[in-house]
Amino acid sequence: MSMKSLPTCLLVAGFLISASSVLADGKEPPVPVRTVAPEYPAYQQRAGVSGLVTVRCTIDTHGDVVGTEVVKVSDPAFERPAIAALQKWKFKPGTLDGVAIATKAIIPVKFVAAN
């Protein structure tokens, strides 16, 4: 199988931070410093199936992703790999007046099959 025919997985770099964390004075949102691509489920990869998993989570004061909850998933097979990958992400934590705080975020993880 050539590299062109292999499906790829994209991590959507942009993520949504709760509105209060962006609008309040002195608050800075978390910034990803390390992202990890999820494993593409074998059956979906062979079948050329694309998918999207939207995960609500908390980024704690150490910059770790905790408390994950799947908000929306196009195919249940993508759920576990998306969460496992997000739990390996690392962030510069959000801050309030220079002090690290836990911040809620919604992070979409997109699985894209190559044509």
PDB file of N, CA and C in Angstrom:
ATOM      1  N   MET A   1       0.850  -1.177   0.000  1.00  0.00           N
ATOM      2  CA  MET A   1       0.000   0.000   0.000  1.00  0.00           C
ATOM      3  C   MET A   1       0.892   1.235   0.000  1.00  0.00           C
ATOM      4  N   SER A   2       0.617   2.179  -0.863  1.00  0.00           N
ATOM      5  CA  SER A   2       1.457   3.374  -0.933  1.00  0.00           C
ATOM      6  C   SER A   2       1.084   4.352   0.170  1.00  0.00           C
ATOM      7  N   MET A   3       2.003   5.248   0.473  1.00  0.00           N
ATOM      8  CA  MET A   3       1.753   6.254   1.508  1.00  0.00           C
ATOM      9  C   MET A   3       0.575   7.141   1.151  1.00  0.00           C
ATOM     10  N   LYS A   4       0.345   7.386  -0.147  1.00  0.00           N
ATOM     11  CA  LYS A   4      -0.758   8.245  -0.558  1.00  0.00           C
ATOM     12  C   LYS A   4      -2.105   7.645  -0.213  1.00  0.00           C
ATOM     13  N   SER A   5      -2.211   6.323  -0.168  1.00  0.00           N
ATOM     14  CA  SER A   5      -3.492   5.698   0.079  1.00  0.00           C
ATOM     15  C   SER A   5      -3.795   5.492   1.559  1.00  0.00           C
ATOM     16  N   LEU A   6      -2.835   5.761   2.433  1.00  0.00           N
ATOM     17  CA  LEU A   6      -3.076   5.592   3.855  1.00  0.00           C
ATOM     18  C   LEU A   6      -3.896   6.749   4.405  1.00  0.00           C
ATOM     19  N   PRO A   7      -4.910   6.461   5.249  1.00  0.00           N
ATOM     20  CA  PRO A   7      -5.653   7.537   5.890  1.00  0.00           C
ATOM     21  C   PRO A   7      -4.736   8.285   6.859  1.00  0.00           C
ATOM     22  N   THR A   8      -5.054   9.512   7.086  1.00  0.00           N
ATOM     23  CA  THR A   8      -4.278  10.291   8.042  1.00  0.00           C
ATOM     24  C   THR A   8      -5.193  10.759   9.152  1.00  0.00           C
ATOM     25  N   CYS A   9      -4.618  11.118  10.233  1.00  0.00           N
ATOM     26  CA  CYS A   9      -5.381  11.614  11.372  1.00  0.00           C
ATOM     27  C   CYS A   9      -4.929  13.038  11.643  1.00  0.00           C
ATOM     28  N   LEU A  10      -5.871  13.919  11.780  1.00  0.00           N
ATOM     29  CA  LEU A  10      -5.547  15.308  12.068  1.00  0.00           C
ATOM     30  C   LEU A  10      -6.002  15.659  13.462  1.00  0.00           C
ATOM     31  N   LEU A  11      -5.200  16.365  14.175  1.00  0.00           N
ATOM     32  CA  LEU A  11      -5.625  16.950  15.429  1.00  0.00           C
ATOM     33  C   LEU A  11      -5.987  18.382  15.117  1.00  0.00           C
ATOM     34  N   VAL A  12      -7.168  18.749  15.496  1.00  0.00           N
ATOM     35  CA  VAL A  12      -7.579  20.118  15.243  1.00  0.00           C
ATOM     36  C   VAL A  12      -6.920  20.966  16.318  1.00  0.00           C
ATOM     37  N   ALA A  13      -5.961  21.762  15.881  1.00  0.00           N
ATOM     38  CA  ALA A  13      -5.141  22.516  16.825  1.00  0.00           C
ATOM     39  C   ALA A  13      -5.950  23.538  17.608  1.00  0.00           C
ATOM     40  N   GLY A  14      -6.925  24.124  16.981  1.00  0.00           N
ATOM     41  CA  GLY A  14      -7.747  25.092  17.684  1.00  0.00           C
ATOM     42  C   GLY A  14      -8.682  24.376  18.630  1.00  0.00           C
ATOM     43  N   PHE A  15      -8.918  24.941  19.758  1.00  0.00           N
ATOM     44  CA  PHE A  15      -9.869  24.363  20.685  1.00  0.00           C
ATOM     45  C   PHE A  15     -10.609  25.507  21.339  1.00  0.00           C
ATOM     46  N   LEU A  16     -11.738  25.201  21.914  1.00  0.00           N
ATOM     47  CA  LEU A  16     -12.584  26.227  22.491  1.00  0.00           C
ATOM     48  C   LEU A  16     -12.403  26.267  23.994  1.00  0.00           C
ATOM     49  N   ILE A  17     -12.122  27.430  24.509  1.00  0.00           N
ATOM     50  CA  ILE A  17     -11.987  27.638  25.943  1.00  0.00           C
ATOM     51  C   ILE A  17     -13.300  28.252  26.419  1.00  0.00           C
ATOM     52  N   SER A  18     -13.686  27.935  27.637  1.00  0.00           N
ATOM     53  CA  SER A  18     -14.936  28.491  28.141  1.00  0.00           C
ATOM     54  C   SER A  18     -14.928  30.009  28.008  1.00  0.00           C
ATOM     55  N   ALA A  19     -16.067  30.578  27.663  1.00  0.00           N
ATOM     56  CA  ALA A  19     -16.161  32.007  27.360  1.00  0.00           C
ATOM     57  C   ALA A  19     -15.635  32.874  28.492  1.00  0.00           C
ATOM     58  N   SER A  20     -15.887  32.492  29.746  1.00  0.00           N
ATOM     59  CA  SER A  20     -15.447  33.325  30.862  1.00  0.00           C
ATOM     60  C   SER A  20     -13.935  33.423  30.936  1.00  0.00           C
ATOM     61  N   SER A  21     -13.223  32.381  30.503  1.00  0.00           N
ATOM     62  CA  SER A  21     -11.766  32.429  30.597  1.00  0.00           C
ATOM     63  C   SER A  21     -11.151  33.350  29.563  1.00  0.00           C
ATOM     64  N   VAL A  22     -11.851  33.623  28.485  1.00  0.00           N
ATOM     65  CA  VAL A  22     -11.318  34.489  27.444  1.00  0.00           C
ATOM     66  C   VAL A  22     -11.698  35.944  27.701  1.00  0.00           C
ATOM     67  N   LEU A  23     -12.869  36.151  28.268  1.00  0.00           N
ATOM     68  CA  LEU A  23     -13.392  37.508  28.401  1.00  0.00           C
ATOM     69  C   LEU A  23     -12.961  38.235  29.674  1.00  0.00           C
ATOM     70  N   ALA A  24     -12.653  37.513  30.725  1.00  0.00           N
ATOM     71  CA  ALA A  24     -12.332  38.150  32.000  1.00  0.00           C
ATOM     72  C   ALA A  24     -10.943  38.787  31.963  1.00  0.00           C
ATOM     73  N   ASP A  25     -10.824  39.953  32.593  1.00  0.00           N
ATOM     74  CA  ASP A  25      -9.519  40.616  32.686  1.00  0.00           C
ATOM     75  C   ASP A  25      -8.563  39.775  33.514  1.00  0.00           C
ATOM     76  N   GLY A  26      -7.312  39.748  33.087  1.00  0.00           N
ATOM     77  CA  GLY A  26      -6.290  39.035  33.833  1.00  0.00           C
ATOM     78  C   GLY A  26      -6.259  37.544  33.595  1.00  0.00           C
ATOM     79  N   LYS A  27      -7.144  37.037  32.763  1.00  0.00           N
ATOM     80  CA  LYS A  27      -7.184  35.600  32.486  1.00  0.00           C
ATOM     81  C   LYS A  27      -6.524  35.295  31.161  1.00  0.00           C
ATOM     82  N   GLU A  28      -5.657  34.297  31.154  1.00  0.00           N
ATOM     83  CA  GLU A  28      -5.006  33.833  29.932  1.00  0.00           C
ATOM     84  C   GLU A  28      -5.383  32.375  29.717  1.00  0.00           C
ATOM     85  N   PRO A  29      -5.753  32.020  28.484  1.00  0.00           N
ATOM     86  CA  PRO A  29      -6.133  30.629  28.207  1.00  0.00           C
ATOM     87  C   PRO A  29      -4.916  29.706  28.177  1.00  0.00           C
ATOM     88  N   PRO A  30      -5.134  28.409  28.353  1.00  0.00           N
ATOM     89  CA  PRO A  30      -4.031  27.468  28.230  1.00  0.00           C
ATOM     90  C   PRO A  30      -3.541  27.407  26.793  1.00  0.00           C
ATOM     91  N   VAL A  31      -2.280  27.030  26.621  1.00  0.00           N
ATOM     92  CA  VAL A  31      -1.680  26.948  25.286  1.00  0.00           C
ATOM     93  C   VAL A  31      -1.056  25.559  25.138  1.00  0.00           C
ATOM     94  N   PRO A  32      -1.428  24.823  24.070  1.00  0.00           N
ATOM     95  CA  PRO A  32      -0.822  23.497  23.901  1.00  0.00           C
ATOM     96  C   PRO A  32       0.674  23.611  23.613  1.00  0.00           C
ATOM     97  N   VAL A  33       1.460  22.800  24.323  1.00  0.00           N
ATOM     98  CA  VAL A  33       2.900  22.766  24.082  1.00  0.00           C
ATOM     99  C   VAL A  33       3.330  21.409  23.526  1.00  0.00           C
ATOM    100  N   ARG A  34       2.506  20.378  23.710  1.00  0.00           N
ATOM    101  CA  ARG A  34       2.767  19.060  23.126  1.00  0.00           C
ATOM    102  C   ARG A  34       1.432  18.401  22.798  1.00  0.00           C
ATOM    103  N   THR A  35       1.261  17.998  21.548  1.00  0.00           N
ATOM    104  CA  THR A  35       0.069  17.270  21.146  1.00  0.00           C
ATOM    105  C   THR A  35       0.491  15.887  20.652  1.00  0.00           C
ATOM    106  N   VAL A  36      -0.403  14.934  20.806  1.00  0.00           N
ATOM    107  CA  VAL A  36      -0.146  13.562  20.388  1.00  0.00           C
ATOM    108  C   VAL A  36      -1.283  13.127  19.477  1.00  0.00           C
ATOM    109  N   ALA A  37      -0.935  12.616  18.311  1.00  0.00           N
ATOM    110  CA  ALA A  37      -1.950  12.138  17.374  1.00  0.00           C
ATOM    111  C   ALA A  37      -2.525  10.814  17.872  1.00  0.00           C
ATOM    112  N   PRO A  38      -3.837  10.646  17.780  1.00  0.00           N
ATOM    113  CA  PRO A  38      -4.437   9.381  18.204  1.00  0.00           C
ATOM    114  C   PRO A  38      -4.170   8.267  17.195  1.00  0.00           C
ATOM    115  N   GLU A  39      -4.260   7.032  17.668  1.00  0.00           N
ATOM    116  CA  GLU A  39      -4.146   5.894  16.764  1.00  0.00           C
ATOM    117  C   GLU A  39      -5.440   5.783  15.970  1.00  0.00           C
ATOM    118  N   TYR A  40      -5.302   5.590  14.680  1.00  0.00           N
ATOM    119  CA  TYR A  40      -6.467   5.438  13.806  1.00  0.00           C
ATOM    120  C   TYR A  40      -6.958   4.008  13.967  1.00  0.00           C
ATOM    121  N   PRO A  41      -8.220   3.766  14.352  1.00  0.00           N
ATOM    122  CA  PRO A  41      -8.710   2.395  14.490  1.00  0.00           C
ATOM    123  C   PRO A  41      -8.525   1.613  13.183  1.00  0.00           C
ATOM    124  N   ALA A  42      -8.016   0.389  13.292  1.00  0.00           N
ATOM    125  CA  ALA A  42      -7.631  -0.404  12.121  1.00  0.00           C
ATOM    126  C   ALA A  42      -8.771  -0.598  11.121  1.00  0.00           C
ATOM    127  N   TYR A  43      -9.951  -0.978  11.611  1.00  0.00           N
ATOM    128  CA  TYR A  43     -11.054  -1.226  10.676  1.00  0.00           C
ATOM    129  C   TYR A  43     -11.445   0.049   9.934  1.00  0.00           C
ATOM    130  N   GLN A  44     -11.567   1.163  10.671  1.00  0.00           N
ATOM    131  CA  GLN A  44     -11.943   2.428  10.046  1.00  0.00           C
ATOM    132  C   GLN A  44     -10.867   2.871   9.061  1.00  0.00           C
ATOM    133  N   GLN A  45      -9.619   2.609   9.381  1.00  0.00           N
ATOM    134  CA  GLN A  45      -8.524   2.981   8.485  1.00  0.00           C
ATOM    135  C   GLN A  45      -8.605   2.186   7.184  1.00  0.00           C
ATOM    136  N   ARG A  46      -8.784   0.871   7.298  1.00  0.00           N
ATOM    137  CA  ARG A  46      -8.885   0.037   6.090  1.00  0.00           C
ATOM    138  C   ARG A  46     -10.106   0.396   5.255  1.00  0.00           C
ATOM    139  N   ALA A  47     -11.198   0.748   5.924  1.00  0.00           N
ATOM    140  CA  ALA A  47     -12.447   1.073   5.223  1.00  0.00           C
ATOM    141  C   ALA A  47     -12.468   2.509   4.710  1.00  0.00           C
ATOM    142  N   GLY A  48     -11.479   3.323   5.083  1.00  0.00           N
ATOM    143  CA  GLY A  48     -11.439   4.719   4.639  1.00  0.00           C
ATOM    144  C   GLY A  48     -12.466   5.593   5.330  1.00  0.00           C
ATOM    145  N   VAL A  49     -12.823   5.234   6.579  1.00  0.00           N
ATOM    146  CA  VAL A  49     -13.834   5.971   7.334  1.00  0.00           C
ATOM    147  C   VAL A  49     -13.185   7.149   8.065  1.00  0.00           C
ATOM    148  N   SER A  50     -13.741   8.338   7.882  1.00  0.00           N
ATOM    149  CA  SER A  50     -13.297   9.533   8.607  1.00  0.00           C
ATOM    150  C   SER A  50     -14.194   9.726   9.823  1.00  0.00           C
ATOM    151  N   GLY A  51     -13.746  10.522  10.773  1.00  0.00           N
ATOM    152  CA  GLY A  51     -14.568  10.752  11.953  1.00  0.00           C
ATOM    153  C   GLY A  51     -14.150  11.968  12.740  1.00  0.00           C
ATOM    154  N   LEU A  52     -15.008  12.327  13.690  1.00  0.00           N
ATOM    155  CA  LEU A  52     -14.766  13.481  14.554  1.00  0.00           C
ATOM    156  C   LEU A  52     -15.223  13.138  15.961  1.00  0.00           C
ATOM    157  N   VAL A  53     -14.368  13.441  16.925  1.00  0.00           N
ATOM    158  CA  VAL A  53     -14.711  13.277  18.335  1.00  0.00           C
ATOM    159  C   VAL A  53     -14.537  14.636  18.993  1.00  0.00           C
ATOM    160  N   THR A  54     -15.580  15.119  19.645  1.00  0.00           N
ATOM    161  CA  THR A  54     -15.510  16.383  20.363  1.00  0.00           C
ATOM    162  C   THR A  54     -15.477  16.065  21.850  1.00  0.00           C
ATOM    163  N   VAL A  55     -14.427  16.540  22.523  1.00  0.00           N
ATOM    164  CA  VAL A  55     -14.197  16.190  23.923  1.00  0.00           C
ATOM    165  C   VAL A  55     -14.202  17.445  24.789  1.00  0.00           C
ATOM    166  N   ARG A  56     -14.994  17.409  25.858  1.00  0.00           N
ATOM    167  CA  ARG A  56     -14.971  18.470  26.873  1.00  0.00           C
ATOM    168  C   ARG A  56     -14.025  17.983  27.964  1.00  0.00           C
ATOM    169  N   CYS A  57     -13.126  18.842  28.395  1.00  0.00           N
ATOM    170  CA  CYS A  57     -12.165  18.432  29.414  1.00  0.00           C
ATOM    171  C   CYS A  57     -11.741  19.626  30.252  1.00  0.00           C
ATOM    172  N   THR A  58     -10.967  19.313  31.253  1.00  0.00           N
ATOM    173  CA  THR A  58     -10.359  20.341  32.088  1.00  0.00           C
ATOM    174  C   THR A  58      -8.855  20.247  31.908  1.00  0.00           C
ATOM    175  N   ILE A  59      -8.228  21.389  31.773  1.00  0.00           N
ATOM    176  CA  ILE A  59      -6.768  21.463  31.737  1.00  0.00           C
ATOM    177  C   ILE A  59      -6.374  21.979  33.114  1.00  0.00           C
ATOM    178  N   ASP A  60      -5.700  21.124  33.880  1.00  0.00           N
ATOM    179  CA  ASP A  60      -5.415  21.466  35.270  1.00  0.00           C
ATOM    180  C   ASP A  60      -4.260  22.461  35.409  1.00  0.00           C
ATOM    181  N   THR A  61      -3.915  22.770  36.639  1.00  0.00           N
ATOM    182  CA  THR A  61      -2.888  23.782  36.914  1.00  0.00           C
ATOM    183  C   THR A  61      -1.484  23.325  36.529  1.00  0.00           C
ATOM    184  N   HIS A  62      -1.329  22.041  36.212  1.00  0.00           N
ATOM    185  CA  HIS A  62      -0.037  21.512  35.752  1.00  0.00           C
ATOM    186  C   HIS A  62       0.010  21.413  34.232  1.00  0.00           C
ATOM    187  N   GLY A  63      -1.116  21.749  33.561  1.00  0.00           N
ATOM    188  CA  GLY A  63      -1.171  21.673  32.109  1.00  0.00           C
ATOM    189  C   GLY A  63      -1.555  20.306  31.578  1.00  0.00           C
ATOM    190  N   ASP A  64      -2.081  19.453  32.458  1.00  0.00           N
ATOM    191  CA  ASP A  64      -2.518  18.122  32.044  1.00  0.00           C
ATOM    192  C   ASP A  64      -4.008  18.127  31.727  1.00  0.00           C
ATOM    193  N   VAL A  65      -4.410  17.270  30.777  1.00  0.00           N
ATOM    194  CA  VAL A  65      -5.821  17.126  30.416  1.00  0.00           C
ATOM    195  C   VAL A  65      -6.438  16.109  31.371  1.00  0.00           C
ATOM    196  N   VAL A  66      -7.484  16.541  32.088  1.00  0.00           N
ATOM    197  CA  VAL A  66      -8.168  15.675  33.058  1.00  0.00           C
ATOM    198  C   VAL A  66      -9.676  15.791  32.864  1.00  0.00           C
ATOM    199  N   GLY A  67     -10.393  14.867  33.456  1.00  0.00           N
ATOM    200  CA  GLY A  67     -11.856  14.952  33.436  1.00  0.00           C
ATOM    201  C   GLY A  67     -12.453  14.981  32.047  1.00  0.00           C
ATOM    202  N   THR A  68     -12.006  14.098  31.164  1.00  0.00           N
ATOM    203  CA  THR A  68     -12.505  14.103  29.790  1.00  0.00           C
ATOM    204  C   THR A  68     -13.929  13.561  29.705  1.00  0.00           C
ATOM    205  N   GLU A  69     -14.709  14.158  28.824  1.00  0.00           N
ATOM    206  CA  GLU A  69     -16.084  13.723  28.558  1.00  0.00           C
ATOM    207  C   GLU A  69     -16.348  13.922  27.066  1.00  0.00           C
ATOM    208  N   VAL A  70     -16.748  12.856  26.397  1.00  0.00           N
ATOM    209  CA  VAL A  70     -17.063  12.966  24.978  1.00  0.00           C
ATOM    210  C   VAL A  70     -18.408  13.663  24.835  1.00  0.00           C
ATOM    211  N   VAL A  71     -18.417  14.741  24.073  1.00  0.00           N
ATOM    212  CA  VAL A  71     -19.623  15.519  23.834  1.00  0.00           C
ATOM    213  C   VAL A  71     -20.338  15.018  22.578  1.00  0.00           C
ATOM    214  N   LYS A  72     -19.532  14.657  21.574  1.00  0.00           N
ATOM    215  CA  LYS A  72     -20.090  14.217  20.297  1.00  0.00           C
ATOM    216  C   LYS A  72     -19.071  13.306  19.630  1.00  0.00           C
ATOM    217  N   VAL A  73     -19.573  12.233  18.997  1.00  0.00           N
ATOM    218  CA  VAL A  73     -18.685  11.318  18.291  1.00  0.00           C
ATOM    219  C   VAL A  73     -19.405  10.800  17.051  1.00  0.00           C
ATOM    220  N   SER A  74     -18.707  10.800  15.930  1.00  0.00           N
ATOM    221  CA  SER A  74     -19.320  10.350  14.681  1.00  0.00           C
ATOM    222  C   SER A  74     -19.318   8.828  14.560  1.00  0.00           C
ATOM    223  N   ASP A  75     -18.367   8.167  15.212  1.00  0.00           N
ATOM    224  CA  ASP A  75     -18.256   6.708  15.181  1.00  0.00           C
ATOM    225  C   ASP A  75     -17.635   6.304  16.519  1.00  0.00           C
ATOM    226  N   PRO A  76     -18.308   5.447  17.284  1.00  0.00           N
ATOM    227  CA  PRO A  76     -17.790   5.074  18.606  1.00  0.00           C
ATOM    228  C   PRO A  76     -16.370   4.502  18.592  1.00  0.00           C
ATOM    229  N   ALA A  77     -15.921   3.955  17.494  1.00  0.00           N
ATOM    230  CA  ALA A  77     -14.566   3.397  17.410  1.00  0.00           C
ATOM    231  C   ALA A  77     -13.496   4.469  17.581  1.00  0.00           C
ATOM    232  N   PHE A  78     -13.817   5.722  17.309  1.00  0.00           N
ATOM    233  CA  PHE A  78     -12.840   6.810  17.426  1.00  0.00           C
ATOM    234  C   PHE A  78     -12.742   7.369  18.849  1.00  0.00           C
ATOM    235  N   GLU A  79     -13.714   7.070  19.684  1.00  0.00           N
ATOM    236  CA  GLU A  79     -13.792   7.672  21.016  1.00  0.00           C
ATOM    237  C   GLU A  79     -12.577   7.351  21.888  1.00  0.00           C
ATOM    238  N   ARG A  80     -12.268   6.096  22.068  1.00  0.00           N
ATOM    239  CA  ARG A  80     -11.168   5.695  22.957  1.00  0.00           C
ATOM    240  C   ARG A  80      -9.815   6.225  22.478  1.00  0.00           C
ATOM    241  N   PRO A  81      -9.483   6.106  21.167  1.00  0.00           N
ATOM    242  CA  PRO A  81      -8.183   6.643  20.728  1.00  0.00           C
ATOM    243  C   PRO A  81      -8.077   8.161  20.898  1.00  0.00           C
ATOM    244  N   ALA A  82      -9.176   8.879  20.707  1.00  0.00           N
ATOM    245  CA  ALA A  82      -9.153  10.335  20.859  1.00  0.00           C
ATOM    246  C   ALA A  82      -8.869  10.716  22.312  1.00  0.00           C
ATOM    247  N   ILE A  83      -9.565  10.078  23.246  1.00  0.00           N
ATOM    248  CA  ILE A  83      -9.362  10.385  24.667  1.00  0.00           C
ATOM    249  C   ILE A  83      -7.956   9.998  25.101  1.00  0.00           C
ATOM    250  N   ALA A  84      -7.496   8.823  24.680  1.00  0.00           N
ATOM    251  CA  ALA A  84      -6.146   8.374  25.059  1.00  0.00           C
ATOM    252  C   ALA A  84      -5.084   9.368  24.572  1.00  0.00           C
ATOM    253  N   ALA A  85      -5.256   9.875  23.360  1.00  0.00           N
ATOM    254  CA  ALA A  85      -4.296  10.850  22.830  1.00  0.00           C
ATOM    255  C   ALA A  85      -4.363  12.167  23.606  1.00  0.00           C
ATOM    256  N   LEU A  86      -5.572  12.663  23.866  1.00  0.00           N
ATOM    257  CA  LEU A  86      -5.703  13.940  24.578  1.00  0.00           C
ATOM    258  C   LEU A  86      -5.097  13.875  25.976  1.00  0.00           C
ATOM    259  N   GLN A  87      -5.177  12.722  26.620  1.00  0.00           N
ATOM    260  CA  GLN A  87      -4.607  12.585  27.960  1.00  0.00           C
ATOM    261  C   GLN A  87      -3.080  12.656  27.940  1.00  0.00           C
ATOM    262  N   LYS A  88      -2.484  12.570  26.754  1.00  0.00           N
ATOM    263  CA  LYS A  88      -1.024  12.708  26.620  1.00  0.00           C
ATOM    264  C   LYS A  88      -0.618  14.129  26.227  1.00  0.00           C
ATOM    265  N   TRP A  89      -1.615  14.986  25.909  1.00  0.00           N
ATOM    266  CA  TRP A  89      -1.299  16.364  25.565  1.00  0.00           C
ATOM    267  C   TRP A  89      -0.758  17.082  26.787  1.00  0.00           C
ATOM    268  N   LYS A  90       0.035  18.117  26.536  1.00  0.00           N
ATOM    269  CA  LYS A  90       0.556  18.956  27.611  1.00  0.00           C
ATOM    270  C   LYS A  90       0.325  20.411  27.231  1.00  0.00           C
ATOM    271  N   PHE A  91      -0.104  21.192  28.194  1.00  0.00           N
ATOM    272  CA  PHE A  91      -0.406  22.617  27.986  1.00  0.00           C
ATOM    273  C   PHE A  91       0.411  23.478  28.929  1.00  0.00           C
ATOM    274  N   LYS A  92       0.642  24.694  28.502  1.00  0.00           N
ATOM    275  CA  LYS A  92       1.026  25.740  29.436  1.00  0.00           C
ATOM    276  C   LYS A  92      -0.318  26.099  30.058  1.00  0.00           C
ATOM    277  N   PRO A  93      -0.484  25.943  31.371  1.00  0.00           N
ATOM    278  CA  PRO A  93      -1.824  26.134  31.955  1.00  0.00           C
ATOM    279  C   PRO A  93      -2.349  27.560  31.796  1.00  0.00           C
ATOM    280  N   GLY A  94      -3.663  27.658  31.844  1.00  0.00           N
ATOM    281  CA  GLY A  94      -4.294  28.968  31.856  1.00  0.00           C
ATOM    282  C   GLY A  94      -3.926  29.677  33.152  1.00  0.00           C
ATOM    283  N   THR A  95      -3.999  30.993  33.129  1.00  0.00           N
ATOM    284  CA  THR A  95      -3.649  31.747  34.334  1.00  0.00           C
ATOM    285  C   THR A  95      -4.684  32.824  34.628  1.00  0.00           C
ATOM    286  N   LEU A  96      -4.743  33.203  35.869  1.00  0.00           N
ATOM    287  CA  LEU A  96      -5.540  34.338  36.320  1.00  0.00           C
ATOM    288  C   LEU A  96      -4.605  35.211  37.132  1.00  0.00           C
ATOM    289  N   ASP A  97      -4.359  36.407  36.641  1.00  0.00           N
ATOM    290  CA  ASP A  97      -3.413  37.334  37.277  1.00  0.00           C
ATOM    291  C   ASP A  97      -2.066  36.663  37.525  1.00  0.00           C
ATOM    292  N   GLY A  98      -1.612  35.856  36.549  1.00  0.00           N
ATOM    293  CA  GLY A  98      -0.307  35.230  36.615  1.00  0.00           C
ATOM    294  C   GLY A  98      -0.234  33.929  37.399  1.00  0.00           C
ATOM    295  N   VAL A  99      -1.352  33.506  37.989  1.00  0.00           N
ATOM    296  CA  VAL A  99      -1.383  32.274  38.778  1.00  0.00           C
ATOM    297  C   VAL A  99      -2.094  31.188  37.961  1.00  0.00           C
ATOM    298  N   ALA A 100      -1.478  29.996  37.886  1.00  0.00           N
ATOM    299  CA  ALA A 100      -2.059  28.901  37.114  1.00  0.00           C
ATOM    300  C   ALA A 100      -3.427  28.506  37.676  1.00  0.00           C
ATOM    301  N   ILE A 101      -4.387  28.293  36.744  1.00  0.00           N
ATOM    302  CA  ILE A 101      -5.739  27.865  37.125  1.00  0.00           C
ATOM    303  C   ILE A 101      -6.176  26.718  36.221  1.00  0.00           C
ATOM    304  N   ALA A 102      -7.118  25.921  36.719  1.00  0.00           N
ATOM    305  CA  ALA A 102      -7.744  24.892  35.896  1.00  0.00           C
ATOM    306  C   ALA A 102      -8.710  25.586  34.942  1.00  0.00           C
ATOM    307  N   THR A 103      -8.757  25.122  33.711  1.00  0.00           N
ATOM    308  CA  THR A 103      -9.586  25.750  32.683  1.00  0.00           C
ATOM    309  C   THR A 103     -10.348  24.678  31.920  1.00  0.00           C
ATOM    310  N   LYS A 104     -11.613  24.925  31.653  1.00  0.00           N
ATOM    311  CA  LYS A 104     -12.431  24.011  30.849  1.00  0.00           C
ATOM    312  C   LYS A 104     -12.190  24.311  29.370  1.00  0.00           C
ATOM    313  N   ALA A 105     -12.177  23.246  28.561  1.00  0.00           N
ATOM    314  CA  ALA A 105     -11.960  23.407  27.121  1.00  0.00           C
ATOM    315  C   ALA A 105     -12.761  22.353  26.374  1.00  0.00           C
ATOM    316  N   ILE A 106     -13.086  22.657  25.123  1.00  0.00           N
ATOM    317  CA  ILE A 106     -13.692  21.691  24.215  1.00  0.00           C
ATOM    318  C   ILE A 106     -12.707  21.518  23.069  1.00  0.00           C
ATOM    319  N   ILE A 107     -12.254  20.271  22.881  1.00  0.00           N
ATOM    320  CA  ILE A 107     -11.218  19.987  21.894  1.00  0.00           C
ATOM    321  C   ILE A 107     -11.749  18.978  20.864  1.00  0.00           C
ATOM    322  N   PRO A 108     -11.811  19.374  19.594  1.00  0.00           N
ATOM    323  CA  PRO A 108     -12.215  18.415  18.552  1.00  0.00           C
ATOM    324  C   PRO A 108     -11.003  17.640  18.036  1.00  0.00           C
ATOM    325  N   VAL A 109     -11.182  16.333  17.852  1.00  0.00           N
ATOM    326  CA  VAL A 109     -10.135  15.488  17.276  1.00  0.00           C
ATOM    327  C   VAL A 109     -10.717  14.893  16.007  1.00  0.00           C
ATOM    328  N   LYS A 110     -10.061  15.176  14.895  1.00  0.00           N
ATOM    329  CA  LYS A 110     -10.576  14.786  13.579  1.00  0.00           C
ATOM    330  C   LYS A 110      -9.737  13.655  13.002  1.00  0.00           C
ATOM    331  N   PHE A 111     -10.401  12.615  12.520  1.00  0.00           N
ATOM    332  CA  PHE A 111      -9.768  11.499  11.830  1.00  0.00           C
ATOM    333  C   PHE A 111     -10.153  11.636  10.359  1.00  0.00           C
ATOM    334  N   VAL A 112      -9.159  11.777   9.473  1.00  0.00           N
ATOM    335  CA  VAL A 112      -9.437  12.021   8.067  1.00  0.00           C
ATOM    336  C   VAL A 112      -8.828  10.902   7.222  1.00  0.00           C
ATOM    337  N   ALA A 113      -9.685  10.219   6.479  1.00  0.00           N
ATOM    338  CA  ALA A 113      -9.219   9.162   5.590  1.00  0.00           C
ATOM    339  C   ALA A 113      -8.698   9.782   4.302  1.00  0.00           C
ATOM    340  N   ALA A 114      -7.542   9.298   3.835  1.00  0.00           N
ATOM    341  CA  ALA A 114      -6.975   9.794   2.581  1.00  0.00           C
ATOM    342  C   ALA A 114      -7.787   9.250   1.414  1.00  0.00           C
ATOM    343  N   ASN A 115      -7.846   9.999   0.337  1.00  0.00           N
ATOM    344  CA  ASN A 115      -8.578   9.560  -0.860  1.00  0.00           C
ATOM    345  C   ASN A 115      -7.761   8.605  -1.683  1.00  0.00           C
TER     346      ASN A 115
END
